[in-house]
Amino acid sequence: MPANEGIFFCLCDMEQIKFILRENETFIPLIQLLKAVHVVYSGSEAQEVVAAGYVTRNGQTELRKRAKIAAGETIVFQNYEIKVLSA
């Protein structure tokens, strides 16, 4: 038996999404961001994935559904990497 048989490696690339805050806005709530970039189908799905610990903010698990996401932050969910930028 080869040494790597039965081992699955996923070398999937992250899909990078850039989200630009509107002028005069300093943040967007996390669940609104997930909906705005279409990585979830609904607000309730956004709340579920955040509460389940599937979303990271700057490399740390984010459990607050209404966390204020500001320019310069990076959100990761599944194979999506969302970079938030200022206008």
PDB file of N, CA and C in Angstrom:
ATOM      1  N   MET A   1       0.848  -1.179   0.000  1.00  0.00           N
ATOM      2  CA  MET A   1       0.000   0.000   0.000  1.00  0.00           C
ATOM      3  C   MET A   1       0.893   1.241   0.000  1.00  0.00           C
ATOM      4  N   PRO A   2       0.672   2.159  -0.959  1.00  0.00           N
ATOM      5  CA  PRO A   2       1.448   3.399  -0.963  1.00  0.00           C
ATOM      6  C   PRO A   2       1.195   4.202   0.302  1.00  0.00           C
ATOM      7  N   ALA A   3       2.184   4.976   0.693  1.00  0.00           N
ATOM      8  CA  ALA A   3       2.106   5.734   1.944  1.00  0.00           C
ATOM      9  C   ALA A   3       0.977   6.750   1.957  1.00  0.00           C
ATOM     10  N   ASN A   4       0.598   7.282   0.799  1.00  0.00           N
ATOM     11  CA  ASN A   4      -0.424   8.320   0.801  1.00  0.00           C
ATOM     12  C   ASN A   4      -1.811   7.813   0.444  1.00  0.00           C
ATOM     13  N   GLU A   5      -1.993   6.518   0.300  1.00  0.00           N
ATOM     14  CA  GLU A   5      -3.309   5.996  -0.047  1.00  0.00           C
ATOM     15  C   GLU A   5      -4.282   6.219   1.115  1.00  0.00           C
ATOM     16  N   GLY A   6      -5.469   6.650   0.791  1.00  0.00           N
ATOM     17  CA  GLY A   6      -6.474   6.907   1.815  1.00  0.00           C
ATOM     18  C   GLY A   6      -6.397   8.304   2.412  1.00  0.00           C
ATOM     19  N   ILE A   7      -5.438   9.091   1.990  1.00  0.00           N
ATOM     20  CA  ILE A   7      -5.312  10.453   2.502  1.00  0.00           C
ATOM     21  C   ILE A   7      -5.771  11.406   1.402  1.00  0.00           C
ATOM     22  N   PHE A   8      -6.656  12.296   1.751  1.00  0.00           N
ATOM     23  CA  PHE A   8      -7.191  13.254   0.788  1.00  0.00           C
ATOM     24  C   PHE A   8      -6.665  14.635   1.113  1.00  0.00           C
ATOM     25  N   PHE A   9      -6.056  15.269   0.158  1.00  0.00           N
ATOM     26  CA  PHE A   9      -5.564  16.625   0.332  1.00  0.00           C
ATOM     27  C   PHE A   9      -6.383  17.552  -0.548  1.00  0.00           C
ATOM     28  N   CYS A  10      -6.871  18.614   0.011  1.00  0.00           N
ATOM     29  CA  CYS A  10      -7.592  19.609  -0.768  1.00  0.00           C
ATOM     30  C   CYS A  10      -6.685  20.819  -0.954  1.00  0.00           C
ATOM     31  N   LEU A  11      -6.298  21.040  -2.167  1.00  0.00           N
ATOM     32  CA  LEU A  11      -5.458  22.184  -2.470  1.00  0.00           C
ATOM     33  C   LEU A  11      -6.318  23.278  -3.109  1.00  0.00           C
ATOM     34  N   CYS A  12      -7.526  23.404  -2.592  1.00  0.00           N
ATOM     35  CA  CYS A  12      -8.484  24.373  -3.130  1.00  0.00           C
ATOM     36  C   CYS A  12      -8.020  25.789  -2.825  1.00  0.00           C
ATOM     37  N   ASP A  13      -8.153  26.621  -3.813  1.00  0.00           N
ATOM     38  CA  ASP A  13      -7.841  28.031  -3.620  1.00  0.00           C
ATOM     39  C   ASP A  13      -9.031  28.727  -2.996  1.00  0.00           C
ATOM     40  N   MET A  14      -8.750  29.680  -2.148  1.00  0.00           N
ATOM     41  CA  MET A  14      -9.803  30.511  -1.571  1.00  0.00           C
ATOM     42  C   MET A  14     -10.297  31.468  -2.641  1.00  0.00           C
ATOM     43  N   GLU A  15     -11.597  31.645  -2.693  1.00  0.00           N
ATOM     44  CA  GLU A  15     -12.144  32.668  -3.574  1.00  0.00           C
ATOM     45  C   GLU A  15     -12.076  33.985  -2.825  1.00  0.00           C
ATOM     46  N   GLN A  16     -11.382  34.945  -3.401  1.00  0.00           N
ATOM     47  CA  GLN A  16     -11.217  36.233  -2.738  1.00  0.00           C
ATOM     48  C   GLN A  16     -12.295  37.199  -3.193  1.00  0.00           C
ATOM     49  N   ILE A  17     -12.925  37.834  -2.217  1.00  0.00           N
ATOM     50  CA  ILE A  17     -13.978  38.805  -2.471  1.00  0.00           C
ATOM     51  C   ILE A  17     -13.564  40.112  -1.817  1.00  0.00           C
ATOM     52  N   LYS A  18     -13.678  41.199  -2.561  1.00  0.00           N
ATOM     53  CA  LYS A  18     -13.402  42.521  -1.993  1.00  0.00           C
ATOM     54  C   LYS A  18     -14.734  43.222  -1.773  1.00  0.00           C
ATOM     55  N   PHE A  19     -14.945  43.682  -0.545  1.00  0.00           N
ATOM     56  CA  PHE A  19     -16.163  44.421  -0.207  1.00  0.00           C
ATOM     57  C   PHE A  19     -15.757  45.831   0.164  1.00  0.00           C
ATOM     58  N   ILE A  20     -16.338  46.808  -0.520  1.00  0.00           N
ATOM     59  CA  ILE A  20     -16.010  48.207  -0.254  1.00  0.00           C
ATOM     60  C   ILE A  20     -17.138  48.847   0.539  1.00  0.00           C
ATOM     61  N   LEU A  21     -16.785  49.362   1.713  1.00  0.00           N
ATOM     62  CA  LEU A  21     -17.773  50.066   2.535  1.00  0.00           C
ATOM     63  C   LEU A  21     -18.252  51.309   1.804  1.00  0.00           C
ATOM     64  N   ARG A  22     -19.492  51.682   2.027  1.00  0.00           N
ATOM     65  CA  ARG A  22     -20.017  52.910   1.438  1.00  0.00           C
ATOM     66  C   ARG A  22     -19.320  54.103   2.050  1.00  0.00           C
ATOM     67  N   GLU A  23     -19.324  55.194   1.292  1.00  0.00           N
ATOM     68  CA  GLU A  23     -18.756  56.426   1.813  1.00  0.00           C
ATOM     69  C   GLU A  23     -19.510  56.810   3.084  1.00  0.00           C
ATOM     70  N   ASN A  24     -18.822  57.303   4.057  1.00  0.00           N
ATOM     71  CA  ASN A  24     -19.371  57.701   5.369  1.00  0.00           C
ATOM     72  C   ASN A  24     -19.708  56.519   6.280  1.00  0.00           C
ATOM     73  N   GLU A  25     -19.497  55.283   5.855  1.00  0.00           N
ATOM     74  CA  GLU A  25     -19.690  54.124   6.724  1.00  0.00           C
ATOM     75  C   GLU A  25     -18.335  53.686   7.248  1.00  0.00           C
ATOM     76  N   THR A  26     -18.303  53.327   8.532  1.00  0.00           N
ATOM     77  CA  THR A  26     -17.040  52.874   9.123  1.00  0.00           C
ATOM     78  C   THR A  26     -17.034  51.371   9.388  1.00  0.00           C
ATOM     79  N   PHE A  27     -18.214  50.731   9.301  1.00  0.00           N
ATOM     80  CA  PHE A  27     -18.299  49.287   9.546  1.00  0.00           C
ATOM     81  C   PHE A  27     -19.552  48.719   8.901  1.00  0.00           C
ATOM     82  N   ILE A  28     -19.608  47.380   8.872  1.00  0.00           N
ATOM     83  CA  ILE A  28     -20.800  46.654   8.470  1.00  0.00           C
ATOM     84  C   ILE A  28     -20.950  45.496   9.441  1.00  0.00           C
ATOM     85  N   PRO A  29     -22.168  45.229   9.940  1.00  0.00           N
ATOM     86  CA  PRO A  29     -22.362  44.074  10.817  1.00  0.00           C
ATOM     87  C   PRO A  29     -22.030  42.771  10.068  1.00  0.00           C
ATOM     88  N   LEU A  30     -21.441  41.835  10.770  1.00  0.00           N
ATOM     89  CA  LEU A  30     -20.967  40.594  10.161  1.00  0.00           C
ATOM     90  C   LEU A  30     -22.045  39.876   9.360  1.00  0.00           C
ATOM     91  N   ILE A  31     -23.231  39.676   9.932  1.00  0.00           N
ATOM     92  CA  ILE A  31     -24.248  38.922   9.190  1.00  0.00           C
ATOM     93  C   ILE A  31     -24.696  39.667   7.933  1.00  0.00           C
ATOM     94  N   GLN A  32     -24.684  40.998   7.971  1.00  0.00           N
ATOM     95  CA  GLN A  32     -25.026  41.771   6.769  1.00  0.00           C
ATOM     96  C   GLN A  32     -23.955  41.621   5.702  1.00  0.00           C
ATOM     97  N   LEU A  33     -22.697  41.560   6.132  1.00  0.00           N
ATOM     98  CA  LEU A  33     -21.595  41.374   5.185  1.00  0.00           C
ATOM     99  C   LEU A  33     -21.729  40.032   4.468  1.00  0.00           C
ATOM    100  N   LEU A  34     -21.986  38.975   5.217  1.00  0.00           N
ATOM    101  CA  LEU A  34     -22.114  37.648   4.608  1.00  0.00           C
ATOM    102  C   LEU A  34     -23.239  37.616   3.582  1.00  0.00           C
ATOM    103  N   LYS A  35     -24.340  38.295   3.881  1.00  0.00           N
ATOM    104  CA  LYS A  35     -25.455  38.376   2.929  1.00  0.00           C
ATOM    105  C   LYS A  35     -25.084  39.245   1.732  1.00  0.00           C
ATOM    106  N   ALA A  36     -24.431  40.366   1.971  1.00  0.00           N
ATOM    107  CA  ALA A  36     -24.113  41.323   0.906  1.00  0.00           C
ATOM    108  C   ALA A  36     -23.198  40.730  -0.167  1.00  0.00           C
ATOM    109  N   VAL A  37     -22.301  39.839   0.237  1.00  0.00           N
ATOM    110  CA  VAL A  37     -21.369  39.245  -0.736  1.00  0.00           C
ATOM    111  C   VAL A  37     -21.868  37.886  -1.242  1.00  0.00           C
ATOM    112  N   HIS A  38     -23.081  37.520  -0.846  1.00  0.00           N
ATOM    113  CA  HIS A  38     -23.768  36.326  -1.349  1.00  0.00           C
ATOM    114  C   HIS A  38     -23.047  35.007  -1.046  1.00  0.00           C
ATOM    115  N   VAL A  39     -22.487  34.894   0.160  1.00  0.00           N
ATOM    116  CA  VAL A  39     -21.901  33.611   0.559  1.00  0.00           C
ATOM    117  C   VAL A  39     -22.890  32.804   1.395  1.00  0.00           C
ATOM    118  N   VAL A  40     -24.009  33.418   1.759  1.00  0.00           N
ATOM    119  CA  VAL A  40     -25.130  32.741   2.415  1.00  0.00           C
ATOM    120  C   VAL A  40     -26.397  33.175   1.693  1.00  0.00           C
ATOM    121  N   TYR A  41     -27.473  32.395   1.866  1.00  0.00           N
ATOM    122  CA  TYR A  41     -28.723  32.695   1.175  1.00  0.00           C
ATOM    123  C   TYR A  41     -29.630  33.642   1.949  1.00  0.00           C
ATOM    124  N   SER A  42     -29.494  33.659   3.274  1.00  0.00           N
ATOM    125  CA  SER A  42     -30.423  34.459   4.071  1.00  0.00           C
ATOM    126  C   SER A  42     -29.760  34.933   5.355  1.00  0.00           C
ATOM    127  N   GLY A  43     -30.441  35.858   6.017  1.00  0.00           N
ATOM    128  CA  GLY A  43     -29.949  36.346   7.299  1.00  0.00           C
ATOM    129  C   GLY A  43     -29.932  35.251   8.347  1.00  0.00           C
ATOM    130  N   SER A  44     -30.931  34.368   8.301  1.00  0.00           N
ATOM    131  CA  SER A  44     -30.957  33.290   9.292  1.00  0.00           C
ATOM    132  C   SER A  44     -29.810  32.309   9.069  1.00  0.00           C
ATOM    133  N   GLU A  45     -29.459  32.059   7.816  1.00  0.00           N
ATOM    134  CA  GLU A  45     -28.314  31.191   7.546  1.00  0.00           C
ATOM    135  C   GLU A  45     -27.029  31.865   8.021  1.00  0.00           C
ATOM    136  N   ALA A  46     -26.917  33.178   7.809  1.00  0.00           N
ATOM    137  CA  ALA A  46     -25.739  33.918   8.274  1.00  0.00           C
ATOM    138  C   ALA A  46     -25.607  33.794   9.785  1.00  0.00           C
ATOM    139  N   GLN A  47     -26.719  33.959  10.499  1.00  0.00           N
ATOM    140  CA  GLN A  47     -26.693  33.841  11.961  1.00  0.00           C
ATOM    141  C   GLN A  47     -26.270  32.445  12.396  1.00  0.00           C
ATOM    142  N   GLU A  48     -26.758  31.426  11.700  1.00  0.00           N
ATOM    143  CA  GLU A  48     -26.425  30.036  12.056  1.00  0.00           C
ATOM    144  C   GLU A  48     -24.947  29.735  11.871  1.00  0.00           C
ATOM    145  N   VAL A  49     -24.366  30.170  10.742  1.00  0.00           N
ATOM    146  CA  VAL A  49     -22.960  29.834  10.502  1.00  0.00           C
ATOM    147  C   VAL A  49     -22.033  30.574  11.452  1.00  0.00           C
ATOM    148  N   VAL A  50     -22.422  31.796  11.829  1.00  0.00           N
ATOM    149  CA  VAL A  50     -21.612  32.541  12.798  1.00  0.00           C
ATOM    150  C   VAL A  50     -21.706  31.871  14.166  1.00  0.00           C
ATOM    151  N   ALA A  51     -22.927  31.560  14.613  1.00  0.00           N
ATOM    152  CA  ALA A  51     -23.130  30.934  15.921  1.00  0.00           C
ATOM    153  C   ALA A  51     -22.450  29.566  16.018  1.00  0.00           C
ATOM    154  N   ALA A  52     -22.355  28.871  14.890  1.00  0.00           N
ATOM    155  CA  ALA A  52     -21.731  27.540  14.881  1.00  0.00           C
ATOM    156  C   ALA A  52     -20.201  27.617  14.867  1.00  0.00           C
ATOM    157  N   GLY A  53     -19.643  28.824  14.708  1.00  0.00           N
ATOM    158  CA  GLY A  53     -18.189  28.975  14.736  1.00  0.00           C
ATOM    159  C   GLY A  53     -17.509  28.734  13.406  1.00  0.00           C
ATOM    160  N   TYR A  54     -18.254  28.868  12.293  1.00  0.00           N
ATOM    161  CA  TYR A  54     -17.696  28.616  10.968  1.00  0.00           C
ATOM    162  C   TYR A  54     -17.050  29.836  10.326  1.00  0.00           C
ATOM    163  N   VAL A  55     -17.078  30.981  11.012  1.00  0.00           N
ATOM    164  CA  VAL A  55     -16.572  32.221  10.438  1.00  0.00           C
ATOM    165  C   VAL A  55     -15.380  32.708  11.258  1.00  0.00           C
ATOM    166  N   THR A  56     -14.319  33.115  10.566  1.00  0.00           N
ATOM    167  CA  THR A  56     -13.185  33.700  11.274  1.00  0.00           C
ATOM    168  C   THR A  56     -13.026  35.156  10.855  1.00  0.00           C
ATOM    169  N   ARG A  57     -12.535  35.923  11.803  1.00  0.00           N
ATOM    170  CA  ARG A  57     -12.276  37.350  11.604  1.00  0.00           C
ATOM    171  C   ARG A  57     -10.811  37.578  11.931  1.00  0.00           C
ATOM    172  N   ASN A  58     -10.045  37.958  10.941  1.00  0.00           N
ATOM    173  CA  ASN A  58      -8.602  38.178  11.121  1.00  0.00           C
ATOM    174  C   ASN A  58      -7.921  36.972  11.778  1.00  0.00           C
ATOM    175  N   GLY A  59      -8.345  35.767  11.373  1.00  0.00           N
ATOM    176  CA  GLY A  59      -7.726  34.541  11.858  1.00  0.00           C
ATOM    177  C   GLY A  59      -8.283  33.979  13.151  1.00  0.00           C
ATOM    178  N   GLN A  60      -9.261  34.659  13.757  1.00  0.00           N
ATOM    179  CA  GLN A  60      -9.851  34.202  15.023  1.00  0.00           C
ATOM    180  C   GLN A  60     -11.338  33.923  14.812  1.00  0.00           C
ATOM    181  N   THR A  61     -11.837  32.869  15.424  1.00  0.00           N
ATOM    182  CA  THR A  61     -13.261  32.560  15.315  1.00  0.00           C
ATOM    183  C   THR A  61     -14.086  33.714  15.862  1.00  0.00           C
ATOM    184  N   GLU A  62     -15.079  34.123  15.084  1.00  0.00           N
ATOM    185  CA  GLU A  62     -15.960  35.224  15.487  1.00  0.00           C
ATOM    186  C   GLU A  62     -17.359  34.664  15.717  1.00  0.00           C
ATOM    187  N   LEU A  63     -17.842  34.776  16.949  1.00  0.00           N
ATOM    188  CA  LEU A  63     -19.154  34.241  17.315  1.00  0.00           C
ATOM    189  C   LEU A  63     -20.223  35.322  17.472  1.00  0.00           C
ATOM    190  N   ARG A  64     -19.820  36.582  17.354  1.00  0.00           N
ATOM    191  CA  ARG A  64     -20.786  37.682  17.503  1.00  0.00           C
ATOM    192  C   ARG A  64     -21.420  37.988  16.145  1.00  0.00           C
ATOM    193  N   LYS A  65     -22.715  37.773  16.055  1.00  0.00           N
ATOM    194  CA  LYS A  65     -23.426  37.944  14.785  1.00  0.00           C
ATOM    195  C   LYS A  65     -23.394  39.381  14.294  1.00  0.00           C
ATOM    196  N   ARG A  66     -23.419  40.310  15.196  1.00  0.00           N
ATOM    197  CA  ARG A  66     -23.467  41.720  14.816  1.00  0.00           C
ATOM    198  C   ARG A  66     -22.118  42.422  15.030  1.00  0.00           C
ATOM    199  N   ALA A  67     -21.040  41.633  15.005  1.00  0.00           N
ATOM    200  CA  ALA A  67     -19.704  42.209  15.138  1.00  0.00           C
ATOM    201  C   ALA A  67     -19.515  43.274  14.069  1.00  0.00           C
ATOM    202  N   LYS A  68     -18.922  44.390  14.445  1.00  0.00           N
ATOM    203  CA  LYS A  68     -18.709  45.508  13.525  1.00  0.00           C
ATOM    204  C   LYS A  68     -17.427  45.263  12.730  1.00  0.00           C
ATOM    205  N   ILE A  69     -17.587  44.961  11.467  1.00  0.00           N
ATOM    206  CA  ILE A  69     -16.451  44.664  10.605  1.00  0.00           C
ATOM    207  C   ILE A  69     -16.031  45.956   9.894  1.00  0.00           C
ATOM    208  N   ALA A  70     -14.789  46.359  10.107  1.00  0.00           N
ATOM    209  CA  ALA A  70     -14.276  47.622   9.585  1.00  0.00           C
ATOM    210  C   ALA A  70     -13.306  47.383   8.428  1.00  0.00           C
ATOM    211  N   ALA A  71     -12.975  48.463   7.739  1.00  0.00           N
ATOM    212  CA  ALA A  71     -12.001  48.395   6.647  1.00  0.00           C
ATOM    213  C   ALA A  71     -10.683  47.830   7.160  1.00  0.00           C
ATOM    214  N   GLY A  72     -10.053  46.999   6.355  1.00  0.00           N
ATOM    215  CA  GLY A  72      -8.783  46.392   6.718  1.00  0.00           C
ATOM    216  C   GLY A  72      -8.919  45.007   7.324  1.00  0.00           C
ATOM    217  N   GLU A  73     -10.152  44.593   7.615  1.00  0.00           N
ATOM    218  CA  GLU A  73     -10.360  43.280   8.227  1.00  0.00           C
ATOM    219  C   GLU A  73     -10.607  42.222   7.158  1.00  0.00           C
ATOM    220  N   THR A  74     -10.319  40.971   7.524  1.00  0.00           N
ATOM    221  CA  THR A  74     -10.512  39.842   6.629  1.00  0.00           C
ATOM    222  C   THR A  74     -11.419  38.825   7.306  1.00  0.00           C
ATOM    223  N   ILE A  75     -12.456  38.430   6.584  1.00  0.00           N
ATOM    224  CA  ILE A  75     -13.414  37.431   7.065  1.00  0.00           C
ATOM    225  C   ILE A  75     -13.260  36.192   6.201  1.00  0.00           C
ATOM    226  N   VAL A  76     -13.219  35.013   6.839  1.00  0.00           N
ATOM    227  CA  VAL A  76     -13.134  33.761   6.101  1.00  0.00           C
ATOM    228  C   VAL A  76     -14.314  32.893   6.486  1.00  0.00           C
ATOM    229  N   PHE A  77     -15.000  32.391   5.447  1.00  0.00           N
ATOM    230  CA  PHE A  77     -16.105  31.453   5.628  1.00  0.00           C
ATOM    231  C   PHE A  77     -16.026  30.454   4.492  1.00  0.00           C
ATOM    232  N   GLN A  78     -15.962  29.163   4.838  1.00  0.00           N
ATOM    233  CA  GLN A  78     -15.783  28.087   3.871  1.00  0.00           C
ATOM    234  C   GLN A  78     -14.582  28.408   2.997  1.00  0.00           C
ATOM    235  N   ASN A  79     -14.763  28.460   1.671  1.00  0.00           N
ATOM    236  CA  ASN A  79     -13.627  28.759   0.809  1.00  0.00           C
ATOM    237  C   ASN A  79     -13.653  30.204   0.310  1.00  0.00           C
ATOM    238  N   TYR A  80     -14.295  31.092   1.074  1.00  0.00           N
ATOM    239  CA  TYR A  80     -14.369  32.500   0.718  1.00  0.00           C
ATOM    240  C   TYR A  80     -13.514  33.332   1.677  1.00  0.00           C
ATOM    241  N   GLU A  81     -12.712  34.199   1.122  1.00  0.00           N
ATOM    242  CA  GLU A  81     -11.931  35.151   1.899  1.00  0.00           C
ATOM    243  C   GLU A  81     -12.424  36.543   1.517  1.00  0.00           C
ATOM    244  N   ILE A  82     -13.028  37.233   2.470  1.00  0.00           N
ATOM    245  CA  ILE A  82     -13.643  38.532   2.207  1.00  0.00           C
ATOM    246  C   ILE A  82     -12.756  39.620   2.810  1.00  0.00           C
ATOM    247  N   LYS A  83     -12.261  40.497   1.950  1.00  0.00           N
ATOM    248  CA  LYS A  83     -11.442  41.627   2.413  1.00  0.00           C
ATOM    249  C   LYS A  83     -12.320  42.873   2.395  1.00  0.00           C
ATOM    250  N   VAL A  84     -12.394  43.548   3.537  1.00  0.00           N
ATOM    251  CA  VAL A  84     -13.217  44.739   3.642  1.00  0.00           C
ATOM    252  C   VAL A  84     -12.328  45.970   3.445  1.00  0.00           C
ATOM    253  N   LEU A  85     -12.759  46.826   2.522  1.00  0.00           N
ATOM    254  CA  LEU A  85     -11.990  48.006   2.154  1.00  0.00           C
ATOM    255  C   LEU A  85     -12.814  49.265   2.395  1.00  0.00           C
ATOM    256  N   SER A  86     -12.135  50.381   2.558  1.00  0.00           N
ATOM    257  CA  SER A  86     -12.848  51.656   2.700  1.00  0.00           C
ATOM    258  C   SER A  86     -13.081  52.243   1.314  1.00  0.00           C
ATOM    259  N   ALA A  87     -14.067  53.133   1.240  1.00  0.00           N
ATOM    260  CA  ALA A  87     -14.433  53.762  -0.046  1.00  0.00           C
ATOM    261  C   ALA A  87     -13.330  54.676  -0.530  1.00  0.00           C
TER     262      ALA A  87
END
